[in-house]
């Protein structure tokens, strides 16, 4: 009788768990607070964007959208956390493309498989700003390149595997420069390293650099995007300066656990893209120097795959690795 009683209790518990899971799966999203895991430090572009979208969604759905910053390992710390989360729509990754386009090519091993995450929305793209400390005396990209071929120059980035890190290697290969990569924990400290003169320069997110440019603490030489920045229309592109091979853009991406059900993916993607098309968020994208893309589904996967293939070729040519 004792064994029969235990078996009955076990069956009842399993039935309750299955029923709870079914109810949770069928419940409308969101029916409880949603966690946005930002894989970069607070204050950076992805963090600002996540908070802005979260505010809009919170007002729309009446549920909290909480941003948690989990930086480290070029975005892989936050990405791994979401990759191992329940695929129920309540833990989503906010970051940049590098977790799928750069990290797999430079790290010996990754804490998660590529299939453990899938893109929900490719939100936007943005270039970087090539800036130097005024004491260097560089006024143009030509001046900078000539000096960087003759002697070593320290260049900061937001961390190993960041877009700035990749750009340093692109420059050293295609332009024969002698830039030395100096990684920091995020865009903000990397910018301050340029401001303080701790490094000669950096190729970093434009919104973080521009206030320092306007304050005379950083000299802007070029932007890496295909078009000039709306925030700095007087600053030429690297292509205009004669270095088209140094064009580079960052994609801002929202990802979900890999086995998230497709109907839920579509529901969440629509909520986020609808929010992003609102005038106040389009204005915020402009403030962040981002060009809206709003890609979902197959289009988002294709966009990331193409960029991964491009970066993979660069990384193999440079031998860029992180231990």
Protein backbone atom coordinates (compact mmCIF):
# COMPACT_ATOMS: atom_id res chain seq x y z
CA UNK A 1 0.00 0.00 0.00
CA UNK A 2 2.90 2.30 0.77
CA UNK A 3 4.37 1.79 -2.72
CA UNK A 4 0.97 2.26 -4.30
CA UNK A 5 0.48 5.50 -2.38
CA UNK A 6 3.89 6.83 -3.48
CA UNK A 7 3.17 5.89 -7.09
CA UNK A 8 -0.15 7.70 -6.95
CA UNK A 9 1.51 10.81 -5.52
CA UNK A 10 4.20 10.72 -8.18
CA UNK A 11 1.67 10.40 -10.98
CA UNK A 12 -0.36 13.25 -9.51
CA UNK A 13 2.74 15.46 -9.32
CA UNK A 14 3.70 14.69 -12.91
CA UNK A 15 0.17 15.42 -14.05
CA UNK A 16 0.26 18.75 -12.22
CA UNK A 17 3.59 19.68 -13.84
CA UNK A 18 2.33 18.81 -17.32
CA UNK A 19 -0.86 20.78 -16.73
CA UNK A 20 1.11 23.78 -15.47
CA UNK A 21 3.45 23.65 -18.47
CA UNK A 22 0.49 23.43 -20.85
CA UNK A 23 -1.22 26.38 -19.20
CA UNK A 24 2.01 28.42 -19.31
CA UNK A 25 2.57 27.56 -22.98
CA UNK A 26 -0.98 28.53 -23.92
CA UNK A 27 -1.07 31.70 -21.81
CA UNK A 28 -0.96 34.95 -23.78
CA UNK A 29 2.44 36.64 -23.96
CA UNK A 30 3.37 38.46 -21.81
CA UNK A 31 1.48 37.30 -18.74
CA UNK A 32 4.37 38.09 -16.36
CA UNK A 33 7.53 40.27 -16.34
CA UNK A 34 9.92 39.84 -19.26
CA UNK A 35 13.70 39.95 -18.79
CA UNK A 36 15.84 41.62 -21.43
CA UNK A 37 19.41 40.34 -20.95
CA UNK A 38 21.81 42.93 -22.39
CA UNK A 39 25.15 41.30 -23.14
CA UNK A 40 27.10 44.58 -22.91
CA UNK A 41 27.64 47.08 -20.06
CA UNK A 42 25.04 49.64 -19.05
CA UNK A 43 25.04 52.89 -20.98
CA UNK A 44 26.01 51.41 -24.35
CA UNK A 45 23.80 51.59 -27.46
CA UNK A 46 22.20 48.15 -27.02
CA UNK A 47 21.40 48.93 -23.37
CA UNK A 48 19.82 52.30 -24.23
CA UNK A 49 17.79 50.71 -27.01
CA UNK A 50 16.58 47.81 -24.85
CA UNK A 51 15.38 50.18 -22.14
CA UNK A 52 13.59 52.42 -24.66
CA UNK A 53 11.74 49.48 -26.24
CA UNK A 54 11.01 48.00 -22.82
CA UNK A 55 9.35 51.24 -21.71
CA UNK A 56 7.03 51.21 -24.73
CA UNK A 57 6.13 47.53 -24.32
CA UNK A 58 5.52 47.95 -20.59
CA UNK A 59 2.97 50.70 -21.27
CA UNK A 60 1.33 48.61 -23.99
CA UNK A 61 1.07 45.28 -22.15
CA UNK A 62 1.00 46.35 -18.50
CA UNK A 63 3.89 44.00 -17.66
CA UNK A 64 7.41 44.91 -16.54
CA UNK A 65 10.22 44.62 -19.10
CA UNK A 66 13.39 44.54 -17.01
CA UNK A 67 16.88 45.04 -18.46
CA UNK A 68 19.69 43.02 -16.83
CA UNK A 69 23.26 43.75 -17.93
CA UNK A 70 25.40 40.61 -18.20
CA UNK A 71 28.60 41.68 -19.98
CA UNK A 72 31.69 39.58 -20.53
CA UNK A 73 33.50 37.41 -23.10
CA UNK A 74 32.46 39.66 -26.01
CA UNK A 75 28.79 39.17 -25.27
CA UNK A 76 28.97 35.42 -24.70
CA UNK A 77 28.17 35.60 -20.96
CA UNK A 78 24.75 37.14 -21.53
CA UNK A 79 24.17 35.03 -24.64
CA UNK A 80 24.91 31.82 -22.75
CA UNK A 81 22.45 32.79 -20.01
CA UNK A 82 19.63 33.21 -22.53
CA UNK A 83 20.67 30.15 -24.55
CA UNK A 84 20.11 28.03 -21.43
CA UNK A 85 16.85 29.75 -20.41
CA UNK A 86 13.35 28.36 -20.76
CA UNK A 87 12.02 28.93 -24.31
CA UNK A 88 8.92 30.68 -22.99
CA UNK A 89 9.55 34.26 -24.12
CA UNK A 90 10.49 35.63 -20.71
CA UNK A 91 14.27 35.79 -21.21
CA UNK A 92 15.45 37.49 -24.40
CA UNK A 93 18.97 38.52 -25.44
CA UNK A 94 19.66 42.12 -26.48
CA UNK A 95 23.05 42.71 -27.99
CA UNK A 96 24.98 42.87 -31.22
CA UNK A 97 25.71 40.39 -33.97
CA UNK A 98 29.18 39.43 -32.69
CA UNK A 99 27.96 36.46 -30.61
CA UNK A 100 27.09 34.75 -33.91
CA UNK A 101 29.34 36.48 -36.46
CA UNK A 102 32.70 36.94 -34.71
CA UNK A 103 32.92 34.87 -31.52
CA UNK A 104 32.55 31.42 -33.15
CA UNK A 105 35.53 32.24 -35.39
CA UNK A 106 37.90 33.52 -32.68
CA UNK A 107 37.22 31.37 -29.60
CA UNK A 108 38.49 27.81 -29.38
CA UNK A 109 35.17 26.78 -27.88
CA UNK A 110 31.83 28.43 -27.16
CA UNK A 111 29.65 27.83 -24.07
CA UNK A 112 26.61 27.23 -26.29
CA UNK A 113 25.86 25.94 -29.78
CA UNK A 114 24.82 28.34 -32.52
CA UNK A 115 21.44 26.60 -32.66
CA UNK A 116 20.85 27.35 -28.95
CA UNK A 117 19.90 30.90 -29.96
CA UNK A 118 17.93 32.19 -32.90
CA UNK A 119 17.36 35.77 -34.04
CA UNK A 120 14.04 37.29 -33.13
CA UNK A 121 14.66 40.69 -34.75
CA UNK A 122 17.65 42.28 -36.49
CA UNK A 123 16.75 45.78 -35.34
CA UNK A 124 19.24 48.09 -36.98
CA UNK A 125 22.76 48.69 -38.21
CA UNK A 126 25.30 51.33 -37.25
CA UNK A 127 28.82 52.21 -38.22
CA UNK A 128 31.74 53.05 -35.95
CA UNK A 129 33.65 56.29 -35.58
CA UNK A 130 37.42 56.35 -36.06
CA UNK A 131 38.67 58.88 -33.53
CA UNK A 132 42.06 59.83 -32.07
CA UNK A 133 43.36 61.88 -29.17
CA UNK A 134 44.13 65.48 -30.27
CA UNK A 135 47.72 65.15 -29.08
CA UNK A 136 48.42 62.74 -31.98
CA UNK A 137 48.08 65.66 -34.39
CA UNK A 138 46.18 63.57 -36.94
CA UNK A 139 43.58 65.57 -38.89
CA UNK A 140 42.74 63.15 -41.71
CA UNK A 141 42.59 59.41 -42.31
CA UNK A 142 45.56 59.79 -44.66
CA UNK A 143 47.68 61.34 -41.86
CA UNK A 144 46.64 58.59 -39.48
CA UNK A 145 47.34 55.75 -41.93
CA UNK A 146 50.76 57.06 -42.82
CA UNK A 147 51.78 57.20 -39.16
CA UNK A 148 50.17 53.83 -38.34
CA UNK A 149 52.27 52.17 -41.03
CA UNK A 150 55.46 53.65 -39.62
CA UNK A 151 54.97 52.98 -35.91
CA UNK A 152 52.74 51.12 -33.48
CA UNK A 153 49.63 52.92 -32.21
CA UNK A 154 47.48 51.68 -29.35
CA UNK A 155 43.79 51.40 -30.22
CA UNK A 156 41.01 50.70 -27.72
CA UNK A 157 37.91 48.58 -28.26
CA UNK A 158 34.90 47.49 -26.25
CA UNK A 159 36.53 44.12 -25.62
CA UNK A 160 38.01 41.04 -27.27
CA UNK A 161 35.80 40.01 -30.16
CA UNK A 162 34.09 43.40 -30.34
CA UNK A 163 33.58 45.26 -33.65
CA UNK A 164 36.47 47.58 -32.76
CA UNK A 165 38.75 44.58 -32.24
CA UNK A 166 37.79 43.21 -35.65
CA UNK A 167 38.38 46.63 -37.25
CA UNK A 168 41.93 46.83 -35.87
CA UNK A 169 42.74 43.52 -37.53
CA UNK A 170 41.05 44.56 -40.78
CA UNK A 171 43.22 47.68 -40.84
CA UNK A 172 46.43 45.82 -40.08
CA UNK A 173 45.83 43.40 -42.95
CA UNK A 174 44.26 45.54 -45.68
CA UNK A 175 46.05 48.83 -44.91
CA UNK A 176 49.33 47.42 -43.51
CA UNK A 177 48.98 49.42 -40.29
CA UNK A 178 50.63 48.52 -36.97
CA UNK A 179 47.71 49.05 -34.61
CA UNK A 180 47.91 47.37 -31.20
CA UNK A 181 44.56 46.21 -29.84
CA UNK A 182 43.80 47.27 -26.24
CA UNK A 183 40.49 45.76 -25.01
CA UNK A 184 38.24 47.38 -22.39
CA UNK A 185 35.03 46.23 -20.73
CA UNK A 186 32.57 47.99 -23.00
CA UNK A 187 32.32 50.99 -25.29
CA UNK A 188 32.20 53.67 -22.59
CA UNK A 189 35.55 52.86 -20.91
CA UNK A 190 37.12 52.39 -24.36
CA UNK A 191 36.01 55.91 -25.31
CA UNK A 192 37.38 57.33 -22.05
CA UNK A 193 40.73 55.66 -22.77
CA UNK A 194 40.93 57.77 -25.95
CA UNK A 195 39.82 60.91 -24.09
CA UNK A 196 42.47 60.47 -21.41
CA UNK A 197 45.24 59.74 -23.91
CA UNK A 198 45.73 56.26 -22.46
CA UNK A 199 45.55 55.06 -26.07
CA UNK A 200 46.10 57.00 -29.28
CA UNK A 201 42.67 56.21 -30.69
CA UNK A 202 39.78 53.85 -31.15
CA UNK A 203 37.10 52.79 -33.62
CA UNK A 204 33.99 52.82 -31.45
CA UNK A 205 30.23 53.36 -31.44
CA UNK A 206 29.52 56.82 -32.83
CA UNK A 207 27.04 58.04 -30.15
CA UNK A 208 29.62 57.42 -27.41
CA UNK A 209 32.36 59.23 -29.30
CA UNK A 210 30.49 62.28 -30.59
CA UNK A 211 30.09 64.15 -27.27
CA UNK A 212 33.85 63.92 -26.84
CA UNK A 213 34.39 65.08 -30.42
CA UNK A 214 32.11 68.08 -29.86
CA UNK A 215 33.95 68.82 -26.63
CA UNK A 216 37.29 68.88 -28.43
CA UNK A 217 38.61 65.85 -26.53
CA UNK A 218 38.63 63.49 -29.54
CA UNK A 219 39.38 64.20 -33.19
CA UNK A 220 36.98 62.45 -35.58
CA UNK A 221 38.68 61.14 -38.72
CA UNK A 222 36.05 58.96 -40.40
CA UNK A 223 33.02 56.70 -39.94
CA UNK A 224 33.10 53.06 -41.03
CA UNK A 225 29.53 52.92 -42.37
CA UNK A 226 28.67 52.96 -46.08
CA UNK A 227 26.99 56.35 -45.68
CA UNK A 228 27.91 59.38 -43.59
CA UNK A 229 26.46 59.51 -40.10
CA UNK A 230 23.37 61.68 -39.65
CA UNK A 231 24.90 62.73 -36.34
CA UNK A 232 28.20 63.81 -37.92
CA UNK A 233 27.52 64.75 -41.56
CA UNK A 234 30.85 66.55 -41.89
CA UNK A 235 32.88 63.43 -41.07
CA UNK A 236 33.81 61.42 -44.20
CA UNK A 237 33.35 57.68 -44.60
CA UNK A 238 36.42 55.45 -44.77
CA UNK A 239 35.52 54.76 -48.42
CA UNK A 240 35.55 58.49 -49.18
CA UNK A 241 38.97 58.64 -47.54
CA UNK A 242 40.20 55.93 -49.91
CA UNK A 243 39.85 52.86 -47.65
CA UNK A 244 36.67 51.06 -48.74
CA UNK A 245 38.03 47.74 -47.42
CA UNK A 246 37.70 49.18 -43.90
CA UNK A 247 33.92 49.58 -44.06
CA UNK A 248 32.28 47.89 -41.07
CA UNK A 249 28.79 47.92 -39.56
CA UNK A 250 27.34 46.60 -36.31
CA UNK A 251 23.96 44.85 -36.23
CA UNK A 252 21.76 45.27 -33.14
CA UNK A 253 19.89 42.04 -32.56
CA UNK A 254 17.29 40.49 -30.25
CA UNK A 255 17.58 36.71 -29.81
CA UNK A 256 15.54 33.98 -28.14
CA UNK A 257 16.40 30.46 -26.96
CA UNK A 258 16.76 28.17 -29.96
CA UNK A 259 13.76 25.94 -29.29
CA UNK A 260 11.26 28.75 -28.69
CA UNK A 261 8.00 27.80 -30.48
CA UNK A 262 7.53 29.57 -33.81
CA UNK A 263 4.08 31.02 -32.99
CA UNK A 264 5.58 32.65 -29.89
CA UNK A 265 8.53 33.93 -31.95
CA UNK A 266 6.12 35.59 -34.35
CA UNK A 267 4.10 37.15 -31.52
CA UNK A 268 7.19 38.62 -29.86
CA UNK A 269 8.75 39.78 -33.14
CA UNK A 270 5.57 41.63 -34.06
CA UNK A 271 5.37 43.30 -30.65
CA UNK A 272 8.99 44.52 -30.88
CA UNK A 273 8.86 45.64 -34.51
CA UNK A 274 5.53 47.42 -33.95
CA UNK A 275 7.10 49.27 -31.02
CA UNK A 276 10.16 50.19 -33.07
CA UNK A 277 8.08 51.77 -35.83
CA UNK A 278 6.61 54.30 -33.41
CA UNK A 279 7.86 57.86 -33.99
CA UNK A 280 9.48 58.15 -30.56
CA UNK A 281 11.55 55.00 -31.08
CA UNK A 282 12.47 55.90 -34.65
CA UNK A 283 13.74 59.19 -33.20
CA UNK A 284 15.73 57.25 -30.60
CA UNK A 285 17.28 55.10 -33.34
CA UNK A 286 18.36 58.30 -35.10
CA UNK A 287 19.86 59.60 -31.86
CA UNK A 288 21.83 56.35 -31.58
CA UNK A 289 23.03 56.65 -35.20
CA UNK A 290 21.17 53.47 -36.15
CA UNK A 291 19.53 52.68 -39.48
CA UNK A 292 16.35 50.64 -38.91
CA UNK A 293 16.18 47.17 -40.51
CA UNK A 294 13.43 45.29 -38.63
CA UNK A 295 14.30 41.89 -40.12
CA UNK A 296 12.66 38.75 -38.70
CA UNK A 297 12.50 35.04 -39.54
CA UNK A 298 14.45 33.85 -42.59
CA UNK A 299 15.55 37.37 -43.50
CA UNK A 300 17.17 37.84 -40.08
CA UNK A 301 18.96 34.48 -40.30
CA UNK A 302 20.23 35.25 -43.80
CA UNK A 303 21.52 38.67 -42.74
CA UNK A 304 23.54 37.19 -39.86
CA UNK A 305 24.83 34.27 -41.92
CA UNK A 306 26.13 36.58 -44.65
CA UNK A 307 27.93 38.77 -42.11
CA UNK A 308 29.37 35.71 -40.33
CA UNK A 309 30.81 34.43 -43.61
CA UNK A 310 32.34 37.85 -44.35
CA UNK A 311 33.91 38.19 -40.92
CA UNK A 312 35.09 34.60 -40.98
CA UNK A 313 37.17 35.33 -44.07
CA UNK A 314 38.71 38.40 -42.40
CA UNK A 315 39.46 36.53 -39.17
CA UNK A 316 41.09 33.62 -40.98
CA UNK A 317 43.24 36.06 -42.96
CA UNK A 318 44.36 37.93 -39.83
CA UNK A 319 44.76 34.92 -37.53
CA UNK A 320 42.69 36.80 -34.93
CA UNK A 321 42.14 34.56 -31.89
CA UNK A 322 41.16 34.90 -28.25
CA UNK A 323 42.34 32.39 -25.64
